Amino acid sequence: MYLIYITDGKAAPPPVKFTFVVKNWKDPKNDIVRESRQDSVFDAKTNSWGFTQLVSRDRVLSKDAGFLRRDGSVLLRMELAMPGGYRENEDEEEDEEGGYPAVLEESGGGRSSIGSDFLSLYDSPGSTSDLTIIATAVGHEAVVKEEGAAKKGKKRKTCTASNSGGGGGGGGCSHRFPVHRAVLAARCPYFATHFASGMGDSNARELRMPDTDPDALAALLRFVYGGELCVASREHARSCLGLADRLLLPKAVALVSEHLLTTLSAATVMADLMWAAELAEGPGQVELLTALVDYAAEQESDISEEQAEQLAAAHPALMAQLFTARVRAAKRCRTWKV
């Protein structure tokens, strides 16, 4: 695998280190990574970088190795890293401002500690919270305790989810989340757009979110605050993906999609297909559904007739996709055998 230099009449690029990565879809730990040993200058004299033997073709094309996607394609990623301190124009005169802009970082991994600090703020907001989100699961009315009724000695039943959101799948019907507008606006386009919309509740102290799984929202709020996304079950993961798509969080969507695809099994793929078919189309949703269909076609012998009948009754169009995918899988098997 080589990179080829193309002359464009401009100065040659800086010396860089380059890395080739072959993606393993079954287990990211098995990605093939090949790095250059030293900084290289890419110019007309040194016009190709790479490896005469990047990876064995038989290894990549092996059905069980994990490098082939469901559609038979291979993902190759190339990374370039420029050495620190490189200056584009070496003849540029030094002056008092020559070292700027400068990036100052706290030593000892300070940047990663910011996520922990924000998670602590989320877990214990105290008086700093300036917004409360009230999430109500699908099929439940928002049932919260009213201050007036409490004064009269009357209490209304309150159904809540845990703060950790560990149950998954809408375990609690309603839950209140004390949060911070500034954090949500900075990290989530959905909330940023809502706060700037001027709608009736855009400046209110409480924001109601009906048809929202509280457990999924709890997990995604932790992702928004600290970058961590913990799913407690496959059902919880599906719920998180649907809500992340709704909240315009593409990184969370990508993380959950990758988790679902790398943990597929014959026992879960039909339930995954039924769920994916009901998702509104969004970024990556078509690709996710296609991957699930291809996997189901490959696992046809392990899927019960009852499951196939349920899928046909609920989503007849998917059966045509399954048939097409089964034909593709059969062709690939014949190619590999040859």
C-alpha atoms as a PDB file:
ATOM      1  CA  MET A   1       0.000   0.000   0.000  1.00  0.00           C
ATOM      2  CA  TYR A   2       1.502   3.330  -1.080  1.00  0.00           C
ATOM      3  CA  LEU A   3       0.740   7.046  -1.087  1.00  0.00           C
ATOM      4  CA  ILE A   4       1.758   8.748  -4.339  1.00  0.00           C
ATOM      5  CA  TYR A   5       3.090  12.312  -4.506  1.00  0.00           C
ATOM      6  CA  ILE A   6       1.341  14.616  -7.003  1.00  0.00           C
ATOM      7  CA  THR A   7       3.129  17.854  -7.979  1.00  0.00           C
ATOM      8  CA  ASP A   8       0.869  20.887  -7.665  1.00  0.00           C
ATOM      9  CA  GLY A   9       3.411  23.666  -8.171  1.00  0.00           C
ATOM     10  CA  LYS A  10       3.488  24.543  -4.479  1.00  0.00           C
ATOM     11  CA  ALA A  11       6.091  23.933  -1.814  1.00  0.00           C
ATOM     12  CA  ALA A  12       6.446  20.334  -0.649  1.00  0.00           C
ATOM     13  CA  PRO A  13       4.495  19.311   2.462  1.00  0.00           C
ATOM     14  CA  PRO A  14       6.320  19.139   5.803  1.00  0.00           C
ATOM     15  CA  PRO A  15       7.986  15.998   7.120  1.00  0.00           C
ATOM     16  CA  VAL A  16       5.382  13.759   8.691  1.00  0.00           C
ATOM     17  CA  LYS A  17       4.886  10.348  10.203  1.00  0.00           C
ATOM     18  CA  PHE A  18       2.250   8.256   8.498  1.00  0.00           C
ATOM     19  CA  THR A  19       0.154   5.325   9.659  1.00  0.00           C
ATOM     20  CA  PHE A  20      -1.993   2.837   7.754  1.00  0.00           C
ATOM     21  CA  VAL A  21      -4.885   1.207   9.639  1.00  0.00           C
ATOM     22  CA  VAL A  22      -7.041  -1.663   8.351  1.00  0.00           C
ATOM     23  CA  LYS A  23     -10.311  -1.646  10.318  1.00  0.00           C
ATOM     24  CA  ASN A  24     -11.453  -4.855  12.011  1.00  0.00           C
ATOM     25  CA  TRP A  25     -15.250  -4.764  12.348  1.00  0.00           C
ATOM     26  CA  LYS A  26     -15.484  -7.647  14.807  1.00  0.00           C
ATOM     27  CA  ASP A  27     -12.919  -6.414  17.322  1.00  0.00           C
ATOM     28  CA  PRO A  28     -11.161  -2.996  17.150  1.00  0.00           C
ATOM     29  CA  LYS A  29      -8.299  -4.535  19.146  1.00  0.00           C
ATOM     30  CA  ASN A  30      -7.460  -6.572  16.038  1.00  0.00           C
ATOM     31  CA  ASP A  31      -7.073  -3.545  13.750  1.00  0.00           C
ATOM     32  CA  ILE A  32      -3.924  -3.807  11.624  1.00  0.00           C
ATOM     33  CA  VAL A  33      -1.704  -0.776  12.308  1.00  0.00           C
ATOM     34  CA  ARG A  34       1.517  -0.081  10.385  1.00  0.00           C
ATOM     35  CA  GLU A  35       3.536   3.046  11.193  1.00  0.00           C
ATOM     36  CA  SER A  36       6.497   4.699   9.480  1.00  0.00           C
ATOM     37  CA  ARG A  37       9.688   4.458  11.531  1.00  0.00           C
ATOM     38  CA  GLN A  38      10.714   8.083  11.146  1.00  0.00           C
ATOM     39  CA  ASP A  39       9.586  11.433   9.792  1.00  0.00           C
ATOM     40  CA  SER A  40       9.522  11.436   5.992  1.00  0.00           C
ATOM     41  CA  VAL A  41       9.511  14.252   3.470  1.00  0.00           C
ATOM     42  CA  PHE A  42       6.998  13.767   0.694  1.00  0.00           C
ATOM     43  CA  ASP A  43       8.434  15.364  -2.474  1.00  0.00           C
ATOM     44  CA  ALA A  44       9.376  14.575  -6.062  1.00  0.00           C
ATOM     45  CA  LYS A  45      12.560  12.778  -4.947  1.00  0.00           C
ATOM     46  CA  THR A  46      10.766  10.635  -2.393  1.00  0.00           C
ATOM     47  CA  ASN A  47       7.507  10.241  -4.242  1.00  0.00           C
ATOM     48  CA  SER A  48       6.007   7.172  -2.618  1.00  0.00           C
ATOM     49  CA  TRP A  49       5.449   6.156   0.971  1.00  0.00           C
ATOM     50  CA  GLY A  50       4.167   2.856   2.162  1.00  0.00           C
ATOM     51  CA  PHE A  51       4.817  -0.838   2.547  1.00  0.00           C
ATOM     52  CA  THR A  52       5.471  -3.518  -0.036  1.00  0.00           C
ATOM     53  CA  GLN A  53       3.583  -5.905   2.252  1.00  0.00           C
ATOM     54  CA  LEU A  54       0.940  -4.100   4.298  1.00  0.00           C
ATOM     55  CA  VAL A  55      -1.232  -7.129   5.043  1.00  0.00           C
ATOM     56  CA  SER A  56      -1.842 -10.554   3.545  1.00  0.00           C
ATOM     57  CA  ARG A  57      -4.684 -10.538   1.020  1.00  0.00           C
ATOM     58  CA  ASP A  58      -5.852 -13.950   2.237  1.00  0.00           C
ATOM     59  CA  ARG A  59      -6.055 -12.605   5.781  1.00  0.00           C
ATOM     60  CA  VAL A  60      -8.184  -9.622   4.751  1.00  0.00           C
ATOM     61  CA  LEU A  61     -10.505 -11.711   2.567  1.00  0.00           C
ATOM     62  CA  SER A  62     -11.017 -14.392   5.195  1.00  0.00           C
ATOM     63  CA  LYS A  63     -14.694 -14.424   6.130  1.00  0.00           C
ATOM     64  CA  ASP A  64     -14.025 -14.953   9.824  1.00  0.00           C
ATOM     65  CA  ALA A  65     -11.135 -12.481  10.240  1.00  0.00           C
ATOM     66  CA  GLY A  66     -13.426  -9.470  10.673  1.00  0.00           C
ATOM     67  CA  PHE A  67     -11.900  -7.122   8.078  1.00  0.00           C
ATOM     68  CA  LEU A  68     -14.743  -7.484   5.560  1.00  0.00           C
ATOM     69  CA  ARG A  69     -17.861  -5.428   6.166  1.00  0.00           C
ATOM     70  CA  ARG A  70     -21.291  -6.911   5.567  1.00  0.00           C
ATOM     71  CA  ASP A  71     -21.247  -5.537   2.016  1.00  0.00           C
ATOM     72  CA  GLY A  72     -17.827  -7.090   1.304  1.00  0.00           C
ATOM     73  CA  SER A  73     -15.828  -3.853   1.472  1.00  0.00           C
ATOM     74  CA  VAL A  74     -12.650  -3.121   3.475  1.00  0.00           C
ATOM     75  CA  LEU A  75     -12.012   0.132   5.372  1.00  0.00           C
ATOM     76  CA  LEU A  76      -8.462   1.483   5.179  1.00  0.00           C
ATOM     77  CA  ARG A  77      -7.593   4.585   7.204  1.00  0.00           C
ATOM     78  CA  MET A  78      -4.478   6.712   6.712  1.00  0.00           C
ATOM     79  CA  GLU A  79      -3.207   9.083   9.415  1.00  0.00           C
ATOM     80  CA  LEU A  80      -0.562  11.796   9.047  1.00  0.00           C
ATOM     81  CA  ALA A  81       1.157  13.391  12.055  1.00  0.00           C
ATOM     82  CA  MET A  82       3.278  16.526  11.696  1.00  0.00           C
ATOM     83  CA  PRO A  83       6.216  16.825  14.132  1.00  0.00           C
ATOM     84  CA  GLY A  84       5.927  19.417  16.870  1.00  0.00           C
ATOM     85  CA  GLY A  85       7.672  22.717  16.269  1.00  0.00           C
ATOM     86  CA  TYR A  86       7.466  22.533  12.471  1.00  0.00           C
ATOM     87  CA  ARG A  87       7.397  25.947  10.790  1.00  0.00           C
ATOM     88  CA  GLU A  88       5.965  26.259   7.295  1.00  0.00           C
ATOM     89  CA  ASN A  89       8.412  29.036   6.343  1.00  0.00           C
ATOM     90  CA  GLU A  90      11.866  28.371   7.781  1.00  0.00           C
ATOM     91  CA  ASP A  91      13.081  31.797   6.564  1.00  0.00           C
ATOM     92  CA  GLU A  92      10.512  33.625   8.638  1.00  0.00           C
ATOM     93  CA  GLU A  93      12.236  36.044  10.991  1.00  0.00           C
ATOM     94  CA  GLU A  94      11.985  35.461  14.696  1.00  0.00           C
ATOM     95  CA  ASP A  95      10.178  38.116  16.701  1.00  0.00           C
ATOM     96  CA  GLU A  96       8.583  38.463  20.090  1.00  0.00           C
ATOM     97  CA  GLU A  97       5.291  37.064  18.763  1.00  0.00           C
ATOM     98  CA  GLY A  98       6.938  34.190  16.885  1.00  0.00           C
ATOM     99  CA  GLY A  99       5.830  31.582  19.417  1.00  0.00           C
ATOM    100  CA  TYR A 100       2.135  32.352  19.100  1.00  0.00           C
ATOM    101  CA  PRO A 101      -0.462  31.032  19.012  1.00  0.00           C
ATOM    102  CA  ALA A 102       0.632  28.745  21.853  1.00  0.00           C
ATOM    103  CA  VAL A 103      -1.378  25.868  23.305  1.00  0.00           C
ATOM    104  CA  LEU A 104      -0.892  25.628  27.067  1.00  0.00           C
ATOM    105  CA  GLU A 105      -1.930  22.335  28.629  1.00  0.00           C
ATOM    106  CA  GLU A 106      -2.094  21.318  32.258  1.00  0.00           C
ATOM    107  CA  SER A 107       0.490  18.626  32.981  1.00  0.00           C
ATOM    108  CA  GLY A 108      -0.497  15.170  34.154  1.00  0.00           C
ATOM    109  CA  GLY A 109      -3.410  14.629  31.767  1.00  0.00           C
ATOM    110  CA  GLY A 110      -5.264  17.776  32.791  1.00  0.00           C
ATOM    111  CA  ARG A 111      -7.357  17.899  29.645  1.00  0.00           C
ATOM    112  CA  SER A 112      -8.926  14.499  30.325  1.00  0.00           C
ATOM    113  CA  SER A 113      -9.777  15.568  33.876  1.00  0.00           C
ATOM    114  CA  ILE A 114     -12.182  18.187  32.516  1.00  0.00           C
ATOM    115  CA  GLY A 115     -14.637  15.435  31.638  1.00  0.00           C
ATOM    116  CA  SER A 116     -14.490  14.122  35.201  1.00  0.00           C
ATOM    117  CA  ASP A 117     -15.028  17.621  36.564  1.00  0.00           C
ATOM    118  CA  PHE A 118     -18.120  18.138  34.428  1.00  0.00           C
ATOM    119  CA  LEU A 119     -19.475  14.725  35.387  1.00  0.00           C
ATOM    120  CA  SER A 120     -19.098  15.697  39.040  1.00  0.00           C
ATOM    121  CA  LEU A 121     -21.060  18.852  38.260  1.00  0.00           C
ATOM    122  CA  TYR A 122     -23.759  16.750  36.592  1.00  0.00           C
ATOM    123  CA  ASP A 123     -23.927  14.264  39.483  1.00  0.00           C
ATOM    124  CA  SER A 124     -24.091  17.012  42.143  1.00  0.00           C
ATOM    125  CA  PRO A 125     -25.439  20.177  40.478  1.00  0.00           C
ATOM    126  CA  GLY A 126     -26.653  21.799  43.689  1.00  0.00           C
ATOM    127  CA  SER A 127     -27.579  25.455  43.253  1.00  0.00           C
ATOM    128  CA  THR A 128     -25.611  25.742  39.980  1.00  0.00           C
ATOM    129  CA  SER A 129     -28.382  24.106  37.949  1.00  0.00           C
ATOM    130  CA  ASP A 130     -30.476  26.596  35.963  1.00  0.00           C
ATOM    131  CA  LEU A 131     -32.720  24.132  34.114  1.00  0.00           C
ATOM    132  CA  THR A 132     -34.658  20.980  34.967  1.00  0.00           C
ATOM    133  CA  ILE A 133     -35.502  18.506  32.217  1.00  0.00           C
ATOM    134  CA  ILE A 134     -38.570  16.358  32.872  1.00  0.00           C
ATOM    135  CA  ALA A 135     -38.369  13.221  30.732  1.00  0.00           C
ATOM    136  CA  THR A 136     -41.455  11.030  30.386  1.00  0.00           C
ATOM    137  CA  ALA A 137     -41.283   7.568  28.841  1.00  0.00           C
ATOM    138  CA  VAL A 138     -43.403   6.572  25.863  1.00  0.00           C
ATOM    139  CA  GLY A 139     -46.924   5.588  26.862  1.00  0.00           C
ATOM    140  CA  HIS A 140     -46.808   7.304  30.268  1.00  0.00           C
ATOM    141  CA  GLU A 141     -48.285  10.570  31.401  1.00  0.00           C
ATOM    142  CA  ALA A 142     -45.971  12.915  33.268  1.00  0.00           C
ATOM    143  CA  VAL A 143     -46.742  12.234  36.916  1.00  0.00           C
ATOM    144  CA  VAL A 144     -44.927  14.588  39.271  1.00  0.00           C
ATOM    145  CA  LYS A 145     -45.482  15.817  42.764  1.00  0.00           C
ATOM    146  CA  GLU A 146     -47.301  19.142  42.875  1.00  0.00           C
ATOM    147  CA  GLU A 147     -46.342  21.641  45.553  1.00  0.00           C
ATOM    148  CA  GLY A 148     -49.951  22.775  46.063  1.00  0.00           C
ATOM    149  CA  ALA A 149     -51.245  19.268  46.597  1.00  0.00           C
ATOM    150  CA  ALA A 150     -48.444  18.549  49.049  1.00  0.00           C
ATOM    151  CA  LYS A 151     -49.435  21.532  51.184  1.00  0.00           C
ATOM    152  CA  LYS A 152     -52.949  20.121  51.472  1.00  0.00           C
ATOM    153  CA  GLY A 153     -51.624  16.742  52.493  1.00  0.00           C
ATOM    154  CA  LYS A 154     -52.433  15.226  49.102  1.00  0.00           C
ATOM    155  CA  LYS A 155     -49.660  13.419  47.294  1.00  0.00           C
ATOM    156  CA  ARG A 156     -49.694  12.326  43.685  1.00  0.00           C
ATOM    157  CA  LYS A 157     -47.813   9.190  42.752  1.00  0.00           C
ATOM    158  CA  THR A 158     -44.395   9.910  41.292  1.00  0.00           C
ATOM    159  CA  CYS A 159     -42.670   7.436  38.991  1.00  0.00           C
ATOM    160  CA  THR A 160     -38.926   8.034  38.635  1.00  0.00           C
ATOM    161  CA  ALA A 161     -35.839   6.533  37.079  1.00  0.00           C
ATOM    162  CA  SER A 162     -32.529   6.237  38.894  1.00  0.00           C
ATOM    163  CA  ASN A 163     -29.913   8.993  38.561  1.00  0.00           C
ATOM    164  CA  SER A 164     -27.452   6.572  37.001  1.00  0.00           C
ATOM    165  CA  GLY A 165     -29.836   5.511  34.283  1.00  0.00           C
ATOM    166  CA  GLY A 166     -28.559   1.980  34.615  1.00  0.00           C
ATOM    167  CA  GLY A 167     -31.735   0.010  34.005  1.00  0.00           C
ATOM    168  CA  GLY A 168     -32.251   0.751  30.352  1.00  0.00           C
ATOM    169  CA  GLY A 169     -35.271   0.529  28.147  1.00  0.00           C
ATOM    170  CA  GLY A 170     -37.537   3.017  29.886  1.00  0.00           C
ATOM    171  CA  GLY A 171     -37.495   1.409  33.326  1.00  0.00           C
ATOM    172  CA  GLY A 172     -38.888   4.563  34.968  1.00  0.00           C
ATOM    173  CA  CYS A 173     -41.823   6.463  33.512  1.00  0.00           C
ATOM    174  CA  SER A 174     -40.706   9.990  34.506  1.00  0.00           C
ATOM    175  CA  HIS A 175     -37.608  11.622  35.911  1.00  0.00           C
ATOM    176  CA  ARG A 176     -36.309  15.122  36.634  1.00  0.00           C
ATOM    177  CA  PHE A 177     -32.762  16.038  35.560  1.00  0.00           C
ATOM    178  CA  PRO A 178     -31.181  19.214  37.032  1.00  0.00           C
ATOM    179  CA  VAL A 179     -28.798  20.427  34.311  1.00  0.00           C
ATOM    180  CA  HIS A 180     -26.918  23.491  33.045  1.00  0.00           C
ATOM    181  CA  ARG A 181     -27.984  25.431  29.958  1.00  0.00           C
ATOM    182  CA  ALA A 182     -24.449  26.483  29.059  1.00  0.00           C
ATOM    183  CA  VAL A 183     -23.153  22.903  28.996  1.00  0.00           C
ATOM    184  CA  LEU A 184     -26.093  21.624  26.946  1.00  0.00           C
ATOM    185  CA  ALA A 185     -25.893  24.526  24.484  1.00  0.00           C
ATOM    186  CA  ALA A 186     -22.154  24.013  23.984  1.00  0.00           C
ATOM    187  CA  ARG A 187     -22.278  20.248  23.576  1.00  0.00           C
ATOM    188  CA  CYS A 188     -25.667  19.418  22.038  1.00  0.00           C
ATOM    189  CA  PRO A 189     -27.017  21.089  18.847  1.00  0.00           C
ATOM    190  CA  TYR A 190     -30.586  20.089  19.710  1.00  0.00           C
ATOM    191  CA  PHE A 191     -30.587  22.064  22.957  1.00  0.00           C
ATOM    192  CA  ALA A 192     -28.558  24.937  21.478  1.00  0.00           C
ATOM    193  CA  THR A 193     -31.177  25.357  18.745  1.00  0.00           C
ATOM    194  CA  HIS A 194     -34.049  25.103  21.207  1.00  0.00           C
ATOM    195  CA  PHE A 195     -32.612  27.688  23.608  1.00  0.00           C
ATOM    196  CA  ALA A 196     -32.062  30.142  20.745  1.00  0.00           C
ATOM    197  CA  SER A 197     -35.470  29.542  19.145  1.00  0.00           C
ATOM    198  CA  GLY A 198     -37.467  31.969  21.297  1.00  0.00           C
ATOM    199  CA  MET A 199     -40.212  29.360  21.760  1.00  0.00           C
ATOM    200  CA  GLY A 200     -42.420  29.482  24.819  1.00  0.00           C
ATOM    201  CA  ASP A 201     -40.330  27.126  26.957  1.00  0.00           C
ATOM    202  CA  SER A 202     -36.909  28.073  25.534  1.00  0.00           C
ATOM    203  CA  ASN A 203     -36.190  30.275  28.570  1.00  0.00           C
ATOM    204  CA  ALA A 204     -38.288  28.392  31.128  1.00  0.00           C
ATOM    205  CA  ARG A 205     -36.805  26.814  34.236  1.00  0.00           C
ATOM    206  CA  GLU A 206     -38.347  23.458  33.290  1.00  0.00           C
ATOM    207  CA  LEU A 207     -38.262  21.681  29.939  1.00  0.00           C
ATOM    208  CA  ARG A 208     -40.634  18.773  29.405  1.00  0.00           C
ATOM    209  CA  MET A 209     -39.541  16.007  27.037  1.00  0.00           C
ATOM    210  CA  PRO A 210     -42.427  13.592  26.428  1.00  0.00           C
ATOM    211  CA  ASP A 211     -41.869  10.209  24.776  1.00  0.00           C
ATOM    212  CA  THR A 212     -38.296  10.169  26.084  1.00  0.00           C
ATOM    213  CA  ASP A 213     -36.776   7.150  27.832  1.00  0.00           C
ATOM    214  CA  PRO A 214     -35.361   8.555  31.113  1.00  0.00           C
ATOM    215  CA  ASP A 215     -32.664   5.866  31.279  1.00  0.00           C
ATOM    216  CA  ALA A 216     -31.467   6.689  27.764  1.00  0.00           C
ATOM    217  CA  LEU A 217     -31.478  10.418  28.518  1.00  0.00           C
ATOM    218  CA  ALA A 218     -29.484   9.824  31.715  1.00  0.00           C
ATOM    219  CA  ALA A 219     -26.808   7.952  29.735  1.00  0.00           C
ATOM    220  CA  LEU A 220     -26.673  10.603  26.997  1.00  0.00           C
ATOM    221  CA  LEU A 221     -26.464  13.471  29.487  1.00  0.00           C
ATOM    222  CA  ARG A 222     -23.393  11.784  30.963  1.00  0.00           C
ATOM    223  CA  PHE A 223     -22.013  11.609  27.429  1.00  0.00           C
ATOM    224  CA  VAL A 224     -22.732  15.311  26.866  1.00  0.00           C
ATOM    225  CA  TYR A 225     -21.089  16.308  30.162  1.00  0.00           C
ATOM    226  CA  GLY A 226     -18.143  13.910  30.304  1.00  0.00           C
ATOM    227  CA  GLY A 227     -17.825  12.057  27.003  1.00  0.00           C
ATOM    228  CA  GLU A 228     -18.594   8.651  28.506  1.00  0.00           C
ATOM    229  CA  LEU A 229     -21.467   6.498  27.260  1.00  0.00           C
ATOM    230  CA  CYS A 230     -22.410   3.448  29.311  1.00  0.00           C
ATOM    231  CA  VAL A 231     -25.161   1.091  28.130  1.00  0.00           C
ATOM    232  CA  ALA A 232     -26.625  -1.445  30.542  1.00  0.00           C
ATOM    233  CA  SER A 233     -28.242  -3.790  28.019  1.00  0.00           C
ATOM    234  CA  ARG A 234     -28.879  -4.214  24.313  1.00  0.00           C
ATOM    235  CA  GLU A 235     -32.356  -2.739  24.740  1.00  0.00           C
ATOM    236  CA  HIS A 236     -30.820   0.249  26.518  1.00  0.00           C
ATOM    237  CA  ALA A 237     -28.299   0.657  23.678  1.00  0.00           C
ATOM    238  CA  ARG A 238     -31.088   0.731  21.081  1.00  0.00           C
ATOM    239  CA  SER A 239     -32.964   3.338  23.095  1.00  0.00           C
ATOM    240  CA  CYS A 240     -29.804   5.452  23.437  1.00  0.00           C
ATOM    241  CA  LEU A 241     -29.176   5.355  19.693  1.00  0.00           C
ATOM    242  CA  GLY A 242     -32.706   6.479  18.858  1.00  0.00           C
ATOM    243  CA  LEU A 243     -32.548   9.353  21.340  1.00  0.00           C
ATOM    244  CA  ALA A 244     -29.014  10.353  20.289  1.00  0.00           C
ATOM    245  CA  ASP A 245     -30.242  10.650  16.708  1.00  0.00           C
ATOM    246  CA  ARG A 246     -33.115  12.838  17.893  1.00  0.00           C
ATOM    247  CA  LEU A 247     -30.764  15.045  19.947  1.00  0.00           C
ATOM    248  CA  LEU A 248     -28.376  15.477  16.986  1.00  0.00           C
ATOM    249  CA  LEU A 249     -25.445  13.713  18.658  1.00  0.00           C
ATOM    250  CA  PRO A 250     -23.683  11.978  15.736  1.00  0.00           C
ATOM    251  CA  LYS A 251     -20.695  10.841  17.819  1.00  0.00           C
ATOM    252  CA  ALA A 252     -22.991   9.042  20.248  1.00  0.00           C
ATOM    253  CA  VAL A 253     -24.923   7.536  17.326  1.00  0.00           C
ATOM    254  CA  ALA A 254     -21.670   6.245  15.832  1.00  0.00           C
ATOM    255  CA  LEU A 255     -20.494   4.784  19.155  1.00  0.00           C
ATOM    256  CA  VAL A 256     -23.729   2.908  19.814  1.00  0.00           C
ATOM    257  CA  SER A 257     -24.018   1.744  16.190  1.00  0.00           C
ATOM    258  CA  GLU A 258     -20.509   0.302  16.328  1.00  0.00           C
ATOM    259  CA  HIS A 259     -21.318  -1.417  19.627  1.00  0.00           C
ATOM    260  CA  LEU A 260     -24.489  -2.987  18.226  1.00  0.00           C
ATOM    261  CA  LEU A 261     -22.759  -4.189  15.054  1.00  0.00           C
ATOM    262  CA  THR A 262     -19.695  -5.614  16.813  1.00  0.00           C
ATOM    263  CA  THR A 263     -21.833  -7.548  19.313  1.00  0.00           C
ATOM    264  CA  LEU A 264     -24.315  -9.050  16.853  1.00  0.00           C
ATOM    265  CA  SER A 265     -25.485 -12.615  17.297  1.00  0.00           C
ATOM    266  CA  ALA A 266     -28.069 -14.861  15.689  1.00  0.00           C
ATOM    267  CA  ALA A 267     -30.110 -14.647  18.893  1.00  0.00           C
ATOM    268  CA  THR A 268     -30.453 -10.848  18.746  1.00  0.00           C
ATOM    269  CA  VAL A 269     -30.306  -9.890  15.069  1.00  0.00           C
ATOM    270  CA  MET A 270     -34.034 -10.283  14.342  1.00  0.00           C
ATOM    271  CA  ALA A 271     -34.986  -8.068  17.304  1.00  0.00           C
ATOM    272  CA  ASP A 272     -32.373  -5.573  16.107  1.00  0.00           C
ATOM    273  CA  LEU A 273     -33.869  -5.663  12.605  1.00  0.00           C
ATOM    274  CA  MET A 274     -37.405  -5.045  13.879  1.00  0.00           C
ATOM    275  CA  TRP A 275     -36.166  -2.092  15.923  1.00  0.00           C
ATOM    276  CA  ALA A 276     -33.971  -0.604  13.177  1.00  0.00           C
ATOM    277  CA  ALA A 277     -36.794  -0.785  10.633  1.00  0.00           C
ATOM    278  CA  GLU A 278     -38.954   1.392  12.876  1.00  0.00           C
ATOM    279  CA  LEU A 279     -36.301   4.103  13.300  1.00  0.00           C
ATOM    280  CA  ALA A 280     -36.808   7.344  11.416  1.00  0.00           C
ATOM    281  CA  GLU A 281     -34.151   7.776   8.748  1.00  0.00           C
ATOM    282  CA  GLY A 282     -31.151   9.665  10.100  1.00  0.00           C
ATOM    283  CA  PRO A 283     -27.355   9.830   9.788  1.00  0.00           C
ATOM    284  CA  GLY A 284     -26.047   6.285   9.532  1.00  0.00           C
ATOM    285  CA  GLN A 285     -29.445   4.628   9.979  1.00  0.00           C
ATOM    286  CA  VAL A 286     -29.583   3.233   6.431  1.00  0.00           C
ATOM    287  CA  GLU A 287     -26.058   1.841   6.798  1.00  0.00           C
ATOM    288  CA  LEU A 288     -26.969   0.283  10.146  1.00  0.00           C
ATOM    289  CA  LEU A 289     -30.073  -1.390   8.711  1.00  0.00           C
ATOM    290  CA  THR A 290     -28.105  -2.682   5.710  1.00  0.00           C
ATOM    291  CA  ALA A 291     -25.449  -4.196   7.983  1.00  0.00           C
ATOM    292  CA  LEU A 292     -28.132  -5.898  10.085  1.00  0.00           C
ATOM    293  CA  VAL A 293     -29.841  -7.281   6.975  1.00  0.00           C
ATOM    294  CA  ASP A 294     -26.534  -8.653   5.649  1.00  0.00           C
ATOM    295  CA  TYR A 295     -25.736 -10.288   8.979  1.00  0.00           C
ATOM    296  CA  ALA A 296     -29.208 -11.853   9.195  1.00  0.00           C
ATOM    297  CA  ALA A 297     -28.739 -13.260   5.683  1.00  0.00           C
ATOM    298  CA  GLU A 298     -25.433 -14.860   6.697  1.00  0.00           C
ATOM    299  CA  GLN A 299     -27.030 -16.363   9.833  1.00  0.00           C
ATOM    300  CA  GLU A 300     -30.124 -17.650   8.031  1.00  0.00           C
ATOM    301  CA  SER A 301     -29.690 -21.231   9.216  1.00  0.00           C
ATOM    302  CA  ASP A 302     -29.720 -20.123  12.869  1.00  0.00           C
ATOM    303  CA  ILE A 303     -32.863 -17.964  12.599  1.00  0.00           C
ATOM    304  CA  SER A 304     -36.136 -19.656  13.487  1.00  0.00           C
ATOM    305  CA  GLU A 305     -39.066 -19.783  11.086  1.00  0.00           C
ATOM    306  CA  GLU A 306     -41.223 -18.061  13.703  1.00  0.00           C
ATOM    307  CA  GLN A 307     -38.858 -15.071  13.844  1.00  0.00           C
ATOM    308  CA  ALA A 308     -38.853 -14.802  10.050  1.00  0.00           C
ATOM    309  CA  GLU A 309     -42.663 -14.872   9.967  1.00  0.00           C
ATOM    310  CA  GLN A 310     -42.858 -12.107  12.595  1.00  0.00           C
ATOM    311  CA  LEU A 311     -40.504  -9.941  10.548  1.00  0.00           C
ATOM    312  CA  ALA A 312     -42.453 -10.592   7.341  1.00  0.00           C
ATOM    313  CA  ALA A 313     -45.720  -9.623   9.027  1.00  0.00           C
ATOM    314  CA  ALA A 314     -44.351  -6.412  10.544  1.00  0.00           C
ATOM    315  CA  HIS A 315     -42.016  -5.301   7.724  1.00  0.00           C
ATOM    316  CA  PRO A 316     -42.699  -7.115   4.433  1.00  0.00           C
ATOM    317  CA  ALA A 317     -40.268  -4.887   2.496  1.00  0.00           C
ATOM    318  CA  LEU A 318     -37.399  -6.159   4.637  1.00  0.00           C
ATOM    319  CA  MET A 319     -37.934  -9.700   3.374  1.00  0.00           C
ATOM    320  CA  ALA A 320     -37.026  -8.559  -0.144  1.00  0.00           C
ATOM    321  CA  GLN A 321     -33.859  -6.953   1.238  1.00  0.00           C
ATOM    322  CA  LEU A 322     -33.051 -10.166   3.099  1.00  0.00           C
ATOM    323  CA  PHE A 323     -33.461 -12.199  -0.084  1.00  0.00           C
ATOM    324  CA  THR A 324     -31.116  -9.871  -1.996  1.00  0.00           C
ATOM    325  CA  ALA A 325     -28.578  -9.982   0.849  1.00  0.00           C
ATOM    326  CA  ARG A 326     -28.759 -13.783   0.924  1.00  0.00           C
ATOM    327  CA  VAL A 327     -27.915 -13.885  -2.802  1.00  0.00           C
ATOM    328  CA  ARG A 328     -24.940 -11.555  -2.216  1.00  0.00           C
ATOM    329  CA  ALA A 329     -23.721 -13.709   0.677  1.00  0.00           C
ATOM    330  CA  ALA A 330     -23.965 -16.857  -1.456  1.00  0.00           C
ATOM    331  CA  LYS A 331     -21.929 -15.215  -4.237  1.00  0.00           C
ATOM    332  CA  ARG A 332     -19.227 -14.180  -1.756  1.00  0.00           C
ATOM    333  CA  CYS A 333     -19.025 -17.727  -0.409  1.00  0.00           C
ATOM    334  CA  ARG A 334     -18.560 -19.112  -3.937  1.00  0.00           C
ATOM    335  CA  THR A 335     -15.851 -16.503  -4.624  1.00  0.00           C
ATOM    336  CA  TRP A 336     -13.957 -17.392  -1.434  1.00  0.00           C
ATOM    337  CA  LYS A 337     -14.121 -21.123  -2.216  1.00  0.00           C
ATOM    338  CA  VAL A 338     -12.697 -20.525  -5.688  1.00  0.00           C
END
